[in-house]
Amino acid sequence: MIDERTIASPKITVYSTSTCPYCVMAKRYLKEKGLEFEDVDISQDKSRAAEMFSKSGQMGIPVLDINGKIIVGFDRTAIENAVRGF
């Protein structure tokens, strides 16, 4: 599990839409862990959608960029590892 007391604040961007249930779960998980993030609604910002595709090579969402580590989908283990710097 993530121990919020020992983690420096990572730079997190979540590319999502408001209608995606996995996006909602990913953002809820980050909030529960006390992690701040930028929420980018790709349905409202086509240039940021292109940015997401450029980073991930994927059109599936959510896409999380955690300190440059790209995670496609809601994957708790991958999120924890990226936050810890693995």
PDB file of N, CA and C in Angstrom:
ATOM      1  N   MET A   1       0.831  -1.190   0.000  1.00  0.00           N
ATOM      2  CA  MET A   1       0.000   0.000   0.000  1.00  0.00           C
ATOM      3  C   MET A   1       0.872   1.249   0.000  1.00  0.00           C
ATOM      4  N   ILE A   2       0.322   2.317  -0.484  1.00  0.00           N
ATOM      5  CA  ILE A   2       1.021   3.588  -0.503  1.00  0.00           C
ATOM      6  C   ILE A   2       0.952   4.202   0.890  1.00  0.00           C
ATOM      7  N   ASP A   3       2.081   4.609   1.412  1.00  0.00           N
ATOM      8  CA  ASP A   3       2.135   5.331   2.678  1.00  0.00           C
ATOM      9  C   ASP A   3       2.368   6.793   2.344  1.00  0.00           C
ATOM     10  N   GLU A   4       1.307   7.598   2.452  1.00  0.00           N
ATOM     11  CA  GLU A   4       1.366   8.991   2.034  1.00  0.00           C
ATOM     12  C   GLU A   4       2.425   9.798   2.776  1.00  0.00           C
ATOM     13  N   ARG A   5       2.803   9.386   3.957  1.00  0.00           N
ATOM     14  CA  ARG A   5       3.771  10.154   4.743  1.00  0.00           C
ATOM     15  C   ARG A   5       5.182  10.083   4.181  1.00  0.00           C
ATOM     16  N   THR A   6       5.468   9.059   3.378  1.00  0.00           N
ATOM     17  CA  THR A   6       6.838   8.868   2.913  1.00  0.00           C
ATOM     18  C   THR A   6       7.017   9.208   1.435  1.00  0.00           C
ATOM     19  N   ILE A   7       5.986   9.716   0.814  1.00  0.00           N
ATOM     20  CA  ILE A   7       6.035   9.949  -0.622  1.00  0.00           C
ATOM     21  C   ILE A   7       6.146  11.436  -0.919  1.00  0.00           C
ATOM     22  N   ALA A   8       7.115  11.805  -1.734  1.00  0.00           N
ATOM     23  CA  ALA A   8       7.164  13.171  -2.252  1.00  0.00           C
ATOM     24  C   ALA A   8       6.002  13.318  -3.224  1.00  0.00           C
ATOM     25  N   SER A   9       5.581  14.520  -3.452  1.00  0.00           N
ATOM     26  CA  SER A   9       4.445  14.743  -4.344  1.00  0.00           C
ATOM     27  C   SER A   9       4.844  14.510  -5.791  1.00  0.00           C
ATOM     28  N   PRO A  10       4.330  13.439  -6.387  1.00  0.00           N
ATOM     29  CA  PRO A  10       4.629  13.200  -7.794  1.00  0.00           C
ATOM     30  C   PRO A  10       3.784  14.109  -8.673  1.00  0.00           C
ATOM     31  N   LYS A  11       4.247  14.336  -9.887  1.00  0.00           N
ATOM     32  CA  LYS A  11       3.465  15.091 -10.870  1.00  0.00           C
ATOM     33  C   LYS A  11       2.585  14.084 -11.594  1.00  0.00           C
ATOM     34  N   ILE A  12       1.266  14.248 -11.440  1.00  0.00           N
ATOM     35  CA  ILE A  12       0.316  13.296 -11.996  1.00  0.00           C
ATOM     36  C   ILE A  12      -0.670  14.023 -12.908  1.00  0.00           C
ATOM     37  N   THR A  13      -0.833  13.478 -14.111  1.00  0.00           N
ATOM     38  CA  THR A  13      -1.864  13.948 -15.032  1.00  0.00           C
ATOM     39  C   THR A  13      -2.744  12.747 -15.360  1.00  0.00           C
ATOM     40  N   VAL A  14      -4.069  12.941 -15.250  1.00  0.00           N
ATOM     41  CA  VAL A  14      -5.019  11.894 -15.598  1.00  0.00           C
ATOM     42  C   VAL A  14      -5.798  12.361 -16.815  1.00  0.00           C
ATOM     43  N   TYR A  15      -5.654  11.636 -17.920  1.00  0.00           N
ATOM     44  CA  TYR A  15      -6.408  11.903 -19.131  1.00  0.00           C
ATOM     45  C   TYR A  15      -7.667  11.036 -19.052  1.00  0.00           C
ATOM     46  N   SER A  16      -8.830  11.673 -19.114  1.00  0.00           N
ATOM     47  CA  SER A  16     -10.066  10.947 -18.863  1.00  0.00           C
ATOM     48  C   SER A  16     -11.244  11.622 -19.559  1.00  0.00           C
ATOM     49  N   THR A  17     -12.424  11.041 -19.342  1.00  0.00           N
ATOM     50  CA  THR A  17     -13.678  11.697 -19.694  1.00  0.00           C
ATOM     51  C   THR A  17     -14.606  11.545 -18.499  1.00  0.00           C
ATOM     52  N   SER A  18     -15.650  12.356 -18.469  1.00  0.00           N
ATOM     53  CA  SER A  18     -16.568  12.312 -17.333  1.00  0.00           C
ATOM     54  C   SER A  18     -17.472  11.083 -17.372  1.00  0.00           C
ATOM     55  N   THR A  19     -17.573  10.397 -18.503  1.00  0.00           N
ATOM     56  CA  THR A  19     -18.468   9.246 -18.630  1.00  0.00           C
ATOM     57  C   THR A  19     -17.762   7.897 -18.495  1.00  0.00           C
ATOM     58  N   CYS A  20     -16.472   7.907 -18.261  1.00  0.00           N
ATOM     59  CA  CYS A  20     -15.682   6.673 -18.173  1.00  0.00           C
ATOM     60  C   CYS A  20     -15.633   6.174 -16.725  1.00  0.00           C
ATOM     61  N   PRO A  21     -16.221   4.998 -16.440  1.00  0.00           N
ATOM     62  CA  PRO A  21     -16.223   4.511 -15.055  1.00  0.00           C
ATOM     63  C   PRO A  21     -14.828   4.207 -14.512  1.00  0.00           C
ATOM     64  N   TYR A  22     -13.918   3.722 -15.357  1.00  0.00           N
ATOM     65  CA  TYR A  22     -12.560   3.438 -14.880  1.00  0.00           C
ATOM     66  C   TYR A  22     -11.792   4.723 -14.592  1.00  0.00           C
ATOM     67  N   CYS A  23     -12.117   5.774 -15.333  1.00  0.00           N
ATOM     68  CA  CYS A  23     -11.520   7.087 -15.063  1.00  0.00           C
ATOM     69  C   CYS A  23     -11.959   7.581 -13.688  1.00  0.00           C
ATOM     70  N   VAL A  24     -13.244   7.451 -13.417  1.00  0.00           N
ATOM     71  CA  VAL A  24     -13.789   7.861 -12.118  1.00  0.00           C
ATOM     72  C   VAL A  24     -13.113   7.077 -10.993  1.00  0.00           C
ATOM     73  N   MET A  25     -12.950   5.773 -11.186  1.00  0.00           N
ATOM     74  CA  MET A  25     -12.305   4.941 -10.158  1.00  0.00           C
ATOM     75  C   MET A  25     -10.850   5.345  -9.946  1.00  0.00           C
ATOM     76  N   ALA A  26     -10.138   5.616 -11.031  1.00  0.00           N
ATOM     77  CA  ALA A  26      -8.729   6.008 -10.920  1.00  0.00           C
ATOM     78  C   ALA A  26      -8.598   7.322 -10.162  1.00  0.00           C
ATOM     79  N   LYS A  27      -9.436   8.296 -10.487  1.00  0.00           N
ATOM     80  CA  LYS A  27      -9.363   9.598  -9.810  1.00  0.00           C
ATOM     81  C   LYS A  27      -9.775   9.475  -8.345  1.00  0.00           C
ATOM     82  N   ARG A  28     -10.773   8.663  -8.070  1.00  0.00           N
ATOM     83  CA  ARG A  28     -11.183   8.429  -6.679  1.00  0.00           C
ATOM     84  C   ARG A  28     -10.033   7.792  -5.892  1.00  0.00           C
ATOM     85  N   TYR A  29      -9.359   6.835  -6.496  1.00  0.00           N
ATOM     86  CA  TYR A  29      -8.229   6.160  -5.844  1.00  0.00           C
ATOM     87  C   TYR A  29      -7.118   7.159  -5.506  1.00  0.00           C
ATOM     88  N   LEU A  30      -6.776   8.015  -6.460  1.00  0.00           N
ATOM     89  CA  LEU A  30      -5.738   9.020  -6.213  1.00  0.00           C
ATOM     90  C   LEU A  30      -6.149   9.967  -5.087  1.00  0.00           C
ATOM     91  N   LYS A  31      -7.421  10.386  -5.095  1.00  0.00           N
ATOM     92  CA  LYS A  31      -7.913  11.274  -4.033  1.00  0.00           C
ATOM     93  C   LYS A  31      -7.856  10.589  -2.677  1.00  0.00           C
ATOM     94  N   GLU A  32      -8.252   9.318  -2.612  1.00  0.00           N
ATOM     95  CA  GLU A  32      -8.205   8.558  -1.357  1.00  0.00           C
ATOM     96  C   GLU A  32      -6.789   8.465  -0.818  1.00  0.00           C
ATOM     97  N   LYS A  33      -5.799   8.431  -1.718  1.00  0.00           N
ATOM     98  CA  LYS A  33      -4.394   8.346  -1.313  1.00  0.00           C
ATOM     99  C   LYS A  33      -3.798   9.722  -1.025  1.00  0.00           C
ATOM    100  N   GLY A  34      -4.602  10.754  -1.190  1.00  0.00           N
ATOM    101  CA  GLY A  34      -4.124  12.108  -0.912  1.00  0.00           C
ATOM    102  C   GLY A  34      -3.185  12.654  -1.966  1.00  0.00           C
ATOM    103  N   LEU A  35      -3.269  12.118  -3.175  1.00  0.00           N
ATOM    104  CA  LEU A  35      -2.378  12.535  -4.256  1.00  0.00           C
ATOM    105  C   LEU A  35      -3.072  13.579  -5.127  1.00  0.00           C
ATOM    106  N   GLU A  36      -2.398  14.687  -5.355  1.00  0.00           N
ATOM    107  CA  GLU A  36      -2.938  15.721  -6.227  1.00  0.00           C
ATOM    108  C   GLU A  36      -2.639  15.366  -7.675  1.00  0.00           C
ATOM    109  N   PHE A  37      -3.552  15.761  -8.565  1.00  0.00           N
ATOM    110  CA  PHE A  37      -3.365  15.454  -9.975  1.00  0.00           C
ATOM    111  C   PHE A  37      -4.098  16.475 -10.821  1.00  0.00           C
ATOM    112  N   GLU A  38      -3.638  16.579 -12.062  1.00  0.00           N
ATOM    113  CA  GLU A  38      -4.331  17.389 -13.059  1.00  0.00           C
ATOM    114  C   GLU A  38      -5.287  16.462 -13.795  1.00  0.00           C
ATOM    115  N   ASP A  39      -6.547  16.846 -13.849  1.00  0.00           N
ATOM    116  CA  ASP A  39      -7.559  16.064 -14.547  1.00  0.00           C
ATOM    117  C   ASP A  39      -7.811  16.702 -15.907  1.00  0.00           C
ATOM    118  N   VAL A  40      -7.487  15.974 -16.978  1.00  0.00           N
ATOM    119  CA  VAL A  40      -7.660  16.481 -18.336  1.00  0.00           C
ATOM    120  C   VAL A  40      -8.808  15.722 -18.985  1.00  0.00           C
ATOM    121  N   ASP A  41      -9.899  16.429 -19.279  1.00  0.00           N
ATOM    122  CA  ASP A  41     -11.043  15.824 -19.959  1.00  0.00           C
ATOM    123  C   ASP A  41     -10.779  15.881 -21.463  1.00  0.00           C
ATOM    124  N   ILE A  42     -10.382  14.745 -22.014  1.00  0.00           N
ATOM    125  CA  ILE A  42      -9.987  14.722 -23.421  1.00  0.00           C
ATOM    126  C   ILE A  42     -11.171  14.909 -24.367  1.00  0.00           C
ATOM    127  N   SER A  43     -12.392  14.749 -23.859  1.00  0.00           N
ATOM    128  CA  SER A  43     -13.556  14.985 -24.717  1.00  0.00           C
ATOM    129  C   SER A  43     -13.790  16.476 -24.932  1.00  0.00           C
ATOM    130  N   GLN A  44     -13.183  17.297 -24.079  1.00  0.00           N
ATOM    131  CA  GLN A  44     -13.344  18.742 -24.167  1.00  0.00           C
ATOM    132  C   GLN A  44     -12.123  19.449 -24.736  1.00  0.00           C
ATOM    133  N   ASP A  45     -10.994  18.745 -24.818  1.00  0.00           N
ATOM    134  CA  ASP A  45      -9.750  19.382 -25.243  1.00  0.00           C
ATOM    135  C   ASP A  45      -9.016  18.458 -26.214  1.00  0.00           C
ATOM    136  N   LYS A  46      -9.236  18.683 -27.495  1.00  0.00           N
ATOM    137  CA  LYS A  46      -8.668  17.803 -28.529  1.00  0.00           C
ATOM    138  C   LYS A  46      -7.143  17.857 -28.587  1.00  0.00           C
ATOM    139  N   SER A  47      -6.554  19.005 -28.267  1.00  0.00           N
ATOM    140  CA  SER A  47      -5.088  19.080 -28.284  1.00  0.00           C
ATOM    141  C   SER A  47      -4.505  18.237 -27.155  1.00  0.00           C
ATOM    142  N   ARG A  48      -5.177  18.205 -26.020  1.00  0.00           N
ATOM    143  CA  ARG A  48      -4.701  17.366 -24.913  1.00  0.00           C
ATOM    144  C   ARG A  48      -4.963  15.887 -25.207  1.00  0.00           C
ATOM    145  N   ALA A  49      -6.031  15.593 -25.968  1.00  0.00           N
ATOM    146  CA  ALA A  49      -6.271  14.210 -26.393  1.00  0.00           C
ATOM    147  C   ALA A  49      -5.131  13.744 -27.296  1.00  0.00           C
ATOM    148  N   ALA A  50      -4.693  14.620 -28.181  1.00  0.00           N
ATOM    149  CA  ALA A  50      -3.551  14.298 -29.051  1.00  0.00           C
ATOM    150  C   ALA A  50      -2.285  14.102 -28.221  1.00  0.00           C
ATOM    151  N   GLU A  51      -2.115  14.926 -27.195  1.00  0.00           N
ATOM    152  CA  GLU A  51      -0.975  14.794 -26.284  1.00  0.00           C
ATOM    153  C   GLU A  51      -1.002  13.423 -25.612  1.00  0.00           C
ATOM    154  N   MET A  52      -2.180  12.997 -25.143  1.00  0.00           N
ATOM    155  CA  MET A  52      -2.327  11.692 -24.498  1.00  0.00           C
ATOM    156  C   MET A  52      -1.939  10.583 -25.466  1.00  0.00           C
ATOM    157  N   PHE A  53      -2.430  10.663 -26.704  1.00  0.00           N
ATOM    158  CA  PHE A  53      -2.114   9.642 -27.694  1.00  0.00           C
ATOM    159  C   PHE A  53      -0.628   9.612 -28.001  1.00  0.00           C
ATOM    160  N   SER A  54      -0.017  10.783 -28.078  1.00  0.00           N
ATOM    161  CA  SER A  54       1.418  10.876 -28.335  1.00  0.00           C
ATOM    162  C   SER A  54       2.225  10.203 -27.223  1.00  0.00           C
ATOM    163  N   LYS A  55       1.780  10.387 -25.989  1.00  0.00           N
ATOM    164  CA  LYS A  55       2.492   9.800 -24.840  1.00  0.00           C
ATOM    165  C   LYS A  55       2.289   8.291 -24.739  1.00  0.00           C
ATOM    166  N   SER A  56       1.045   7.847 -24.986  1.00  0.00           N
ATOM    167  CA  SER A  56       0.701   6.458 -24.695  1.00  0.00           C
ATOM    168  C   SER A  56       0.606   5.562 -25.923  1.00  0.00           C
ATOM    169  N   GLY A  57       0.347   6.158 -27.088  1.00  0.00           N
ATOM    170  CA  GLY A  57       0.098   5.357 -28.272  1.00  0.00           C
ATOM    171  C   GLY A  57      -1.254   4.668 -28.212  1.00  0.00           C
ATOM    172  N   GLN A  58      -2.080   5.052 -27.265  1.00  0.00           N
ATOM    173  CA  GLN A  58      -3.372   4.418 -27.034  1.00  0.00           C
ATOM    174  C   GLN A  58      -4.497   5.435 -27.078  1.00  0.00           C
ATOM    175  N   MET A  59      -5.690   4.980 -27.437  1.00  0.00           N
ATOM    176  CA  MET A  59      -6.876   5.828 -27.367  1.00  0.00           C
ATOM    177  C   MET A  59      -7.745   5.443 -26.169  1.00  0.00           C
ATOM    178  N   GLY A  60      -7.425   4.320 -25.519  1.00  0.00           N
ATOM    179  CA  GLY A  60      -8.174   3.899 -24.342  1.00  0.00           C
ATOM    180  C   GLY A  60      -7.890   4.804 -23.170  1.00  0.00           C
ATOM    181  N   ILE A  61      -8.866   4.938 -22.286  1.00  0.00           N
ATOM    182  CA  ILE A  61      -8.716   5.769 -21.100  1.00  0.00           C
ATOM    183  C   ILE A  61      -9.123   4.978 -19.865  1.00  0.00           C
ATOM    184  N   PRO A  62      -8.684   5.366 -18.706  1.00  0.00           N
ATOM    185  CA  PRO A  62      -7.837   6.518 -18.444  1.00  0.00           C
ATOM    186  C   PRO A  62      -6.384   6.246 -18.827  1.00  0.00           C
ATOM    187  N   VAL A  63      -5.669   7.329 -19.050  1.00  0.00           N
ATOM    188  CA  VAL A  63      -4.220   7.284 -19.184  1.00  0.00           C
ATOM    189  C   VAL A  63      -3.670   8.170 -18.077  1.00  0.00           C
ATOM    190  N   LEU A  64      -2.780   7.608 -17.272  1.00  0.00           N
ATOM    191  CA  LEU A  64      -2.152   8.361 -16.202  1.00  0.00           C
ATOM    192  C   LEU A  64      -0.691   8.580 -16.541  1.00  0.00           C
ATOM    193  N   ASP A  65      -0.247   9.794 -16.367  1.00  0.00           N
ATOM    194  CA  ASP A  65       1.166  10.145 -16.520  1.00  0.00           C
ATOM    195  C   ASP A  65       1.655  10.510 -15.127  1.00  0.00           C
ATOM    196  N   ILE A  66       2.457   9.625 -14.549  1.00  0.00           N
ATOM    197  CA  ILE A  66       2.975   9.840 -13.202  1.00  0.00           C
ATOM    198  C   ILE A  66       4.480   9.996 -13.304  1.00  0.00           C
ATOM    199  N   ASN A  67       4.937  11.243 -13.185  1.00  0.00           N
ATOM    200  CA  ASN A  67       6.370  11.545 -13.311  1.00  0.00           C
ATOM    201  C   ASN A  67       6.959  10.968 -14.596  1.00  0.00           C
ATOM    202  N   GLY A  68       6.177  11.000 -15.680  1.00  0.00           N
ATOM    203  CA  GLY A  68       6.666  10.503 -16.960  1.00  0.00           C
ATOM    204  C   GLY A  68       6.409   9.030 -17.214  1.00  0.00           C
ATOM    205  N   LYS A  69       5.963   8.306 -16.209  1.00  0.00           N
ATOM    206  CA  LYS A  69       5.593   6.890 -16.364  1.00  0.00           C
ATOM    207  C   LYS A  69       4.149   6.849 -16.840  1.00  0.00           C
ATOM    208  N   ILE A  70       3.902   6.217 -17.988  1.00  0.00           N
ATOM    209  CA  ILE A  70       2.575   6.180 -18.587  1.00  0.00           C
ATOM    210  C   ILE A  70       1.874   4.874 -18.207  1.00  0.00           C
ATOM    211  N   ILE A  71       0.664   5.016 -17.680  1.00  0.00           N
ATOM    212  CA  ILE A  71      -0.154   3.867 -17.293  1.00  0.00           C
ATOM    213  C   ILE A  71      -1.469   3.972 -18.055  1.00  0.00           C
ATOM    214  N   VAL A  72      -1.792   2.939 -18.817  1.00  0.00           N
ATOM    215  CA  VAL A  72      -3.054   2.905 -19.553  1.00  0.00           C
ATOM    216  C   VAL A  72      -4.016   2.020 -18.774  1.00  0.00           C
ATOM    217  N   GLY A  73      -5.165   2.586 -18.420  1.00  0.00           N
ATOM    218  CA  GLY A  73      -6.152   1.854 -17.628  1.00  0.00           C
ATOM    219  C   GLY A  73      -5.955   2.108 -16.144  1.00  0.00           C
ATOM    220  N   PHE A  74      -6.899   1.627 -15.358  1.00  0.00           N
ATOM    221  CA  PHE A  74      -6.838   1.781 -13.902  1.00  0.00           C
ATOM    222  C   PHE A  74      -6.167   0.550 -13.315  1.00  0.00           C
ATOM    223  N   ASP A  75      -4.905   0.695 -12.946  1.00  0.00           N
ATOM    224  CA  ASP A  75      -4.090  -0.402 -12.433  1.00  0.00           C
ATOM    225  C   ASP A  75      -3.448   0.060 -11.123  1.00  0.00           C
ATOM    226  N   ARG A  76      -4.030  -0.366 -10.000  1.00  0.00           N
ATOM    227  CA  ARG A  76      -3.557   0.081  -8.679  1.00  0.00           C
ATOM    228  C   ARG A  76      -2.075  -0.197  -8.469  1.00  0.00           C
ATOM    229  N   THR A  77      -1.635  -1.400  -8.824  1.00  0.00           N
ATOM    230  CA  THR A  77      -0.234  -1.772  -8.608  1.00  0.00           C
ATOM    231  C   THR A  77       0.695  -0.879  -9.421  1.00  0.00           C
ATOM    232  N   ALA A  78       0.363  -0.644 -10.681  1.00  0.00           N
ATOM    233  CA  ALA A  78       1.194   0.215 -11.528  1.00  0.00           C
ATOM    234  C   ALA A  78       1.219   1.642 -10.986  1.00  0.00           C
ATOM    235  N   ILE A  79       0.083   2.110 -10.487  1.00  0.00           N
ATOM    236  CA  ILE A  79       0.036   3.457  -9.904  1.00  0.00           C
ATOM    237  C   ILE A  79       0.945   3.529  -8.686  1.00  0.00           C
ATOM    238  N   GLU A  80       0.814   2.554  -7.788  1.00  0.00           N
ATOM    239  CA  GLU A  80       1.662   2.542  -6.588  1.00  0.00           C
ATOM    240  C   GLU A  80       3.139   2.496  -6.948  1.00  0.00           C
ATOM    241  N   ASN A  81       3.505   1.652  -7.914  1.00  0.00           N
ATOM    242  CA  ASN A  81       4.903   1.557  -8.312  1.00  0.00           C
ATOM    243  C   ASN A  81       5.403   2.864  -8.920  1.00  0.00           C
ATOM    244  N   ALA A  82       4.586   3.491  -9.743  1.00  0.00           N
ATOM    245  CA  ALA A  82       4.993   4.755 -10.365  1.00  0.00           C
ATOM    246  C   ALA A  82       5.156   5.853  -9.320  1.00  0.00           C
ATOM    247  N   VAL A  83       4.269   5.897  -8.357  1.00  0.00           N
ATOM    248  CA  VAL A  83       4.352   6.906  -7.303  1.00  0.00           C
ATOM    249  C   VAL A  83       5.596   6.691  -6.461  1.00  0.00           C
ATOM    250  N   ARG A  84       5.950   5.458  -6.243  1.00  0.00           N
ATOM    251  CA  ARG A  84       7.138   5.134  -5.451  1.00  0.00           C
ATOM    252  C   ARG A  84       8.438   5.283  -6.252  1.00  0.00           C
ATOM    253  N   GLY A  85       8.303   5.461  -7.583  1.00  0.00           N
ATOM    254  CA  GLY A  85       9.482   5.664  -8.400  1.00  0.00           C
ATOM    255  C   GLY A  85      10.050   4.417  -9.016  1.00  0.00           C
ATOM    256  N   PHE A  86       9.307   3.320  -9.005  1.00  0.00           N
ATOM    257  CA  PHE A  86       9.785   2.068  -9.616  1.00  0.00           C
ATOM    258  C   PHE A  86       9.618   2.091 -11.101  1.00  0.00           C
TER     259      PHE A  86
END
